[in-house]
Protein backbone atom coordinates (compact mmCIF):
# COMPACT_ATOMS: atom_id res chain seq x y z
CA MET A 1 31.98 -12.30 -158.66
CA GLU A 2 33.87 -15.44 -157.72
CA CYS A 3 36.80 -13.71 -155.99
CA LYS A 4 34.79 -11.56 -153.59
CA ASN A 5 31.38 -11.97 -152.02
CA ILE A 6 30.25 -8.47 -152.94
CA ALA A 7 27.90 -6.80 -155.35
CA LEU A 8 29.60 -4.41 -157.73
CA ALA A 9 27.96 -1.80 -159.90
CA LEU A 10 29.84 0.24 -162.49
CA VAL A 11 28.15 3.19 -164.04
CA ILE A 12 30.08 4.63 -166.95
CA SER A 13 29.08 7.73 -168.87
CA LEU A 14 31.26 9.26 -171.60
CA ALA A 15 30.76 12.84 -172.67
CA LEU A 16 32.91 15.62 -174.06
CA THR A 17 31.39 18.09 -171.59
CA ILE A 18 29.29 17.45 -168.49
CA ASP A 19 28.69 19.46 -165.37
CA VAL A 20 30.93 18.43 -162.48
CA PRO A 21 29.76 19.17 -158.91
CA ALA A 22 31.83 21.95 -157.35
CA GLN A 23 33.82 20.83 -154.33
CA GLN A 24 33.69 22.52 -150.97
CA GLY A 25 36.61 24.88 -150.67
CA SER A 26 38.02 24.13 -154.11
CA SER A 27 37.47 24.81 -157.76
CA GLN A 28 35.87 22.29 -160.03
CA LEU A 29 38.02 19.69 -161.71
CA ILE A 30 40.65 21.23 -163.96
CA ASP A 31 39.49 22.58 -167.32
CA PRO A 32 40.16 19.97 -170.04
CA SER A 33 41.83 22.66 -172.17
CA GLN A 34 44.75 23.07 -169.78
CA ASP A 35 48.05 21.47 -170.71
CA PRO A 36 49.31 18.56 -168.59
CA VAL A 37 52.28 19.10 -166.31
CA GLU A 38 54.76 16.71 -164.77
CA ASP A 39 52.96 14.28 -162.50
CA PRO A 40 53.48 15.47 -158.89
CA LEU A 41 52.76 11.94 -157.60
CA GLU A 42 55.56 9.67 -158.75
CA GLY A 43 56.52 6.18 -157.63
CA ASN A 44 53.19 4.45 -158.24
CA HIS A 45 54.09 2.80 -161.54
CA SER A 46 53.52 -0.81 -160.44
CA CYS A 47 50.78 -2.57 -158.51
CA PRO A 48 52.83 -3.10 -155.30
CA GLU A 49 53.60 0.64 -155.32
CA ALA A 50 49.96 1.71 -155.70
CA PHE A 51 48.89 4.79 -153.76
CA ASP A 52 45.90 4.48 -151.43
CA LEU A 53 43.23 7.03 -152.29
CA VAL A 54 40.64 8.20 -149.77
CA PRO A 55 37.90 10.76 -150.48
CA GLY A 56 39.41 13.98 -151.76
CA LEU A 57 40.22 16.01 -154.85
CA TYR A 58 43.42 15.04 -156.69
CA GLU A 59 44.23 17.60 -159.39
CA GLY A 60 47.02 17.92 -161.93
CA LEU A 61 47.96 14.25 -162.36
CA SER A 62 49.34 12.79 -165.59
CA THR A 63 50.64 9.59 -167.13
CA THR A 64 52.67 8.64 -170.19
CA SER A 65 53.69 5.49 -172.02
CA GLY A 66 55.82 3.15 -169.94
CA ALA A 67 54.80 4.83 -166.66
CA PRO A 68 51.29 3.65 -165.68
CA ASP A 69 49.63 5.04 -162.56
CA TYR A 70 48.28 2.58 -159.97
CA TYR A 71 45.85 3.47 -157.18
CA ARG A 72 44.18 1.36 -154.52
CA LEU A 73 40.52 2.15 -153.85
CA PHE A 74 38.80 1.29 -150.58
CA VAL A 75 35.03 0.73 -150.49
CA PRO A 76 33.53 0.44 -146.97
CA ALA A 77 31.00 -2.24 -146.19
CA GLU A 78 27.52 -1.49 -147.54
CA GLN A 79 28.75 1.72 -149.16
CA THR A 80 29.24 3.12 -152.66
CA LEU A 81 32.49 4.75 -153.74
CA HIS A 82 32.15 7.46 -156.39
CA VAL A 83 35.12 8.14 -158.67
CA LEU A 84 35.05 11.05 -161.12
CA VAL A 85 37.89 10.94 -163.65
CA ASN A 86 38.45 14.14 -165.61
CA ILE A 87 40.65 13.48 -168.67
CA ARG A 88 42.04 16.61 -170.25
CA GLU A 89 43.34 15.33 -173.61
CA TRP A 90 41.98 12.78 -176.07
CA SER A 91 44.26 9.92 -177.10
CA HIS A 92 43.89 6.69 -179.07
CA ASP A 93 45.82 4.74 -176.47
CA PHE A 94 44.80 6.06 -173.06
CA THR A 95 43.12 3.35 -170.97
CA MET A 96 41.50 3.01 -167.54
CA GLU A 97 40.88 -0.30 -165.84
CA VAL A 98 39.61 -1.59 -162.50
CA ARG A 99 40.54 -5.00 -161.09
CA ASP A 100 39.63 -6.67 -157.82
CA GLU A 101 43.37 -7.13 -157.09
CA CYS A 102 46.72 -6.68 -158.84
CA ASP A 103 46.33 -9.54 -161.32
CA GLY A 104 42.74 -10.35 -160.47
CA GLU A 105 39.52 -10.26 -162.40
CA LEU A 106 39.17 -7.38 -164.84
CA ILE A 107 36.04 -5.51 -163.77
CA PHE A 108 36.16 -2.52 -166.09
CA GLU A 109 38.29 -1.39 -169.04
CA GLN A 110 37.76 1.57 -171.34
CA THR A 111 39.96 3.26 -173.98
CA TYR A 112 39.61 6.38 -176.19
CA LEU A 113 38.54 8.58 -173.29
CA VAL A 114 38.11 12.33 -172.85
CA GLY A 115 35.94 14.51 -170.60
CA THR A 116 34.53 13.40 -167.26
CA ILE A 117 33.84 9.73 -166.59
CA PRO A 118 31.91 8.77 -163.42
CA ILE A 119 32.51 5.32 -161.94
CA GLU A 120 30.51 3.84 -159.06
CA LEU A 121 31.81 0.92 -157.02
CA GLU A 122 29.04 -0.49 -154.85
CA ASN A 123 29.91 -2.86 -152.02
CA ALA A 124 26.75 -4.57 -150.74
CA SER A 125 28.60 -6.96 -148.42
CA LEU A 126 29.30 -6.63 -144.70
CA ASP A 127 33.06 -6.52 -145.31
CA PRO A 128 35.18 -3.73 -146.83
CA ALA A 129 36.50 -4.24 -150.35
CA HIS A 130 39.64 -3.06 -152.16
CA TYR A 131 40.14 -2.50 -155.89
CA MET A 132 43.13 -1.74 -158.08
CA PHE A 133 42.67 1.26 -160.38
CA ARG A 134 45.16 1.69 -163.25
CA LEU A 135 45.51 4.49 -165.81
CA PHE A 136 48.05 4.06 -168.59
CA ARG A 137 49.11 4.69 -172.19
CA ASP A 138 49.91 1.93 -174.64
CA THR A 139 53.62 1.44 -175.33
CA GLY A 140 52.92 0.32 -178.88
CA GLN A 141 52.92 2.17 -182.19
CA LEU A 142 50.09 4.54 -181.30
CA SER A 143 51.87 6.09 -178.34
CA ASP A 144 53.75 9.34 -179.03
CA GLY A 145 55.29 9.59 -175.56
CA SER A 146 53.37 12.73 -174.55
CA ARG A 147 51.60 13.02 -171.22
CA ILE A 148 47.86 12.69 -170.70
CA GLY A 149 46.61 14.92 -167.89
CA TYR A 150 43.78 13.88 -165.59
CA ASP A 151 42.17 14.70 -162.24
CA LEU A 152 40.39 12.48 -159.74
CA LEU A 153 37.55 13.15 -157.34
CA ILE A 154 36.93 10.38 -154.79
CA ALA A 155 33.82 10.41 -152.60
CA GLU A 156 31.92 7.98 -150.38
CA GLY A 157 28.14 7.80 -150.61
CA SER A 158 27.73 10.90 -152.79
CA ASN A 159 29.63 13.03 -155.30
CA VAL A 160 30.96 15.27 -152.51
CA ALA A 161 34.47 14.49 -151.27
CA TYR A 162 33.98 16.12 -147.85
CA PRO A 163 30.27 16.03 -146.92
CA TYR A 164 28.77 18.32 -144.30
CA LEU A 165 27.25 16.91 -141.10
CA CYS A 166 25.37 18.37 -138.13
CA VAL A 167 24.32 21.54 -139.94
CA GLY A 168 22.50 24.28 -138.07
CA ASP A 169 20.01 25.24 -140.78
CA GLY A 170 17.12 23.26 -139.30
CA SER A 171 17.35 20.35 -141.75
CA VAL A 172 18.81 18.02 -139.09
CA THR A 173 17.78 19.47 -135.74
CA ASN A 174 16.78 22.77 -134.23
CA CYS A 175 19.37 25.17 -132.84
CA PRO A 176 19.43 25.77 -129.05
CA CYS A 177 17.37 28.97 -129.01
CA GLY A 178 15.83 28.84 -132.48
CA ASN A 179 18.89 30.61 -133.96
CA LEU A 180 18.92 28.77 -137.27
CA GLY A 181 21.83 29.53 -139.58
CA ASP A 182 22.12 29.66 -143.34
CA ALA A 183 21.98 26.47 -145.42
CA GLN A 184 24.87 24.06 -144.84
CA ARG A 185 26.37 26.14 -142.01
CA GLY A 186 26.35 26.17 -138.24
CA CYS A 187 23.71 27.86 -136.08
CA SER A 188 23.45 31.63 -136.31
CA HIS A 189 25.88 33.66 -134.16
CA SER A 190 26.09 37.34 -133.20
CA GLY A 191 26.69 38.31 -136.83
CA GLY A 192 23.23 37.10 -137.81
CA HIS A 193 24.42 34.08 -139.80
CA GLY A 194 26.13 30.73 -139.30
CA ALA A 195 29.83 29.94 -139.70
CA ARG A 196 31.13 27.30 -142.10
CA LEU A 197 34.07 24.89 -142.05
CA VAL A 198 35.46 24.27 -145.54
CA LEU A 199 37.80 21.50 -146.75
CA GLY A 200 39.42 21.11 -150.14
CA GLY A 201 42.25 19.28 -151.88
CA SER A 202 43.74 16.04 -150.59
CA GLN A 203 46.09 14.69 -147.90
CA PHE A 204 49.02 14.42 -150.35
CA ASP A 205 51.53 17.21 -149.73
CA GLU A 206 52.76 16.78 -153.30
CA LEU A 207 49.37 18.03 -154.51
CA GLY A 208 49.29 21.02 -152.18
CA GLY A 209 47.86 19.27 -149.13
CA LEU A 210 44.52 19.70 -147.45
CA MET A 211 42.88 23.10 -147.27
CA VAL A 212 41.10 23.63 -143.91
CA GLU A 213 39.42 26.98 -143.31
CA ALA A 214 36.56 28.38 -141.23
CA ILE A 215 34.67 31.30 -142.75
CA ALA A 216 31.93 33.70 -141.63
CA LEU A 217 33.07 33.59 -137.97
CA PRO A 218 32.62 36.60 -135.69
CA PRO A 219 35.66 38.77 -136.49
CA GLN A 220 38.68 38.81 -134.15
CA THR A 221 37.48 35.89 -132.02
CA PRO A 222 39.39 32.71 -131.04
CA ALA A 223 38.46 29.48 -132.80
CA LEU A 224 39.54 25.90 -132.07
CA LEU A 225 39.66 23.09 -134.65
CA PHE A 226 39.01 19.61 -133.29
CA THR A 227 38.29 16.16 -134.69
CA GLY A 228 36.28 13.26 -133.36
CA GLY A 229 36.37 9.61 -134.33
CA LEU A 230 33.31 8.49 -136.28
CA SER A 231 32.34 4.91 -135.50
CA GLY A 232 28.83 5.00 -137.00
CA GLU A 233 26.26 7.67 -137.68
CA ALA A 234 27.06 11.07 -136.19
CA ILE A 235 24.83 12.30 -133.36
CA VAL A 236 23.77 15.95 -133.38
CA LEU A 237 23.75 17.53 -129.90
CA PRO A 238 22.48 21.09 -129.31
CA PHE A 239 25.27 22.65 -127.22
CA ASN A 240 25.94 26.24 -126.18
CA ASP A 241 24.70 28.40 -129.10
CA GLY A 242 25.24 25.71 -131.73
CA THR A 243 25.20 22.01 -132.55
CA LEU A 244 28.00 19.64 -131.56
CA CYS A 245 28.69 16.67 -133.84
CA PHE A 246 29.44 13.56 -131.78
CA GLY A 247 30.83 10.52 -133.59
CA GLY A 248 31.41 8.16 -130.67
CA GLY A 249 35.23 8.24 -130.82
CA SER A 250 38.07 10.11 -129.16
CA VAL A 251 38.48 13.87 -129.59
CA VAL A 252 41.74 15.48 -130.77
CA ARG A 253 42.45 19.22 -130.68
CA HIS A 254 44.32 20.70 -133.65
CA GLY A 255 45.11 24.19 -132.45
CA ALA A 256 43.44 27.56 -131.99
CA ARG A 257 43.40 30.54 -134.36
CA PHE A 258 42.10 34.10 -134.15
CA ALA A 259 39.62 34.95 -136.87
CA ASP A 260 40.71 37.89 -138.99
CA ALA A 261 38.69 41.05 -139.65
CA LEU A 262 36.66 39.19 -142.27
CA GLY A 263 35.85 36.31 -139.93
CA SER A 264 38.21 33.75 -141.49
CA ALA A 265 40.62 31.36 -139.75
CA SER A 266 42.88 28.86 -141.48
CA TRP A 267 44.63 25.63 -140.45
CA THR A 268 45.89 24.91 -143.97
CA GLY A 269 49.46 23.60 -143.89
CA ASP A 270 49.32 22.78 -140.16
CA PHE A 271 46.48 20.29 -139.93
CA ASP A 272 47.50 16.62 -139.85
CA ALA A 273 44.50 14.29 -140.02
CA SER A 274 46.60 11.33 -138.87
CA THR A 275 47.38 12.83 -135.44
CA SER A 276 46.33 10.21 -132.85
CA ARG A 277 44.30 8.44 -135.54
CA ASP A 278 44.48 5.04 -137.21
CA PRO A 279 45.10 4.81 -140.98
CA GLY A 280 41.79 4.66 -142.80
CA GLU A 281 39.81 5.88 -139.77
CA GLN A 282 36.77 8.04 -140.46
CA ILE A 283 36.62 11.31 -138.53
CA VAL A 284 34.55 14.49 -138.28
CA LEU A 285 36.08 17.97 -138.15
CA GLN A 286 34.41 20.94 -136.45
CA VAL A 287 35.38 24.39 -135.17
CA TRP A 288 34.34 25.81 -131.80
CA PHE A 289 34.54 29.60 -131.46
CA ARG A 290 33.83 32.23 -128.82
CA ASP A 291 30.86 34.52 -129.31
CA PRO A 292 30.22 36.69 -126.22
CA GLU A 293 27.32 38.51 -127.88
CA GLY A 294 25.71 35.35 -129.27
CA PRO A 295 21.91 34.97 -129.49
CA CYS A 296 21.59 32.29 -126.79
CA GLY A 297 23.90 33.96 -124.27
CA THR A 298 26.26 31.00 -123.67
CA GLY A 299 29.31 32.75 -125.13
CA SER A 300 30.31 30.20 -127.79
CA ASN A 301 29.12 28.44 -130.93
CA PHE A 302 30.18 25.89 -133.60
CA THR A 303 30.52 25.60 -137.34
CA GLN A 304 28.85 22.64 -139.02
CA ALA A 305 31.00 19.49 -139.15
CA VAL A 306 32.80 17.89 -142.12
CA ARG A 307 33.41 14.18 -142.62
CA MET A 308 36.69 12.77 -143.98
CA ARG A 309 38.77 9.59 -143.92
CA VAL A 310 42.41 9.49 -142.76
CA LYS A 311 44.83 8.49 -145.51
CA PRO A 312 46.33 4.98 -144.99
């Protein structure tokens, strides 16, 4: 590509039905049979007004003729950005395109779409890259003015929007006293299993915001949500009865909760990823909780960690 010193790979697959990976803490992308609703994200109908999308699940979007949707995609250096587009209605005049800037080189264009279309943007350079992503309906004779509904899943490095880190199931490191937890959870606590931190949704309040919940905690115990800046690869540190995920950046506390009788605690609606963070910064989330009867006798433990990027 002449405009950018990067290597780009687009992988396009069209199918009426394909399996979509379930997201942590959320349903799969919306069923294509559901009717489109008014687009909750308005104001992105020109390139200068494009919304910045970071990894997350963006459900219930729609577009119509004369009102294209513009999004700006960020691909970190030496990383691959995965975009899953779930289109819920077939139309002769619905089009997706990717450009390297507003009026730059056309990288990808496809019309007559339905089902789930995966797109991979691979940046092999040492510098981050940005792309303009546009979804629109033709304003010509074919357009009937109705809305086309779609959903987006954005992920870095895999098809999971919010990947797990520093798990206590033995796949990364051993737990402090051999108290391995279940797969993709923290180290085992007094309940005989590990606790899990779950994220879902996106950082747009218009789409319902970000769901943040810890499950399978010891019932009726205090739990603290905190985030750490992630400047490179996370380091797993055995600590107390669990594993602490250290990212090399500053730590921010986001409030304590008491787990209910079922061992659940929620920060949904109160968590703000941008608190004391820079736009676009990558962070890890984790929950520390008390466990007086824990297997290692230190009195506390951790969930596994979850990686996310702060919305610009």
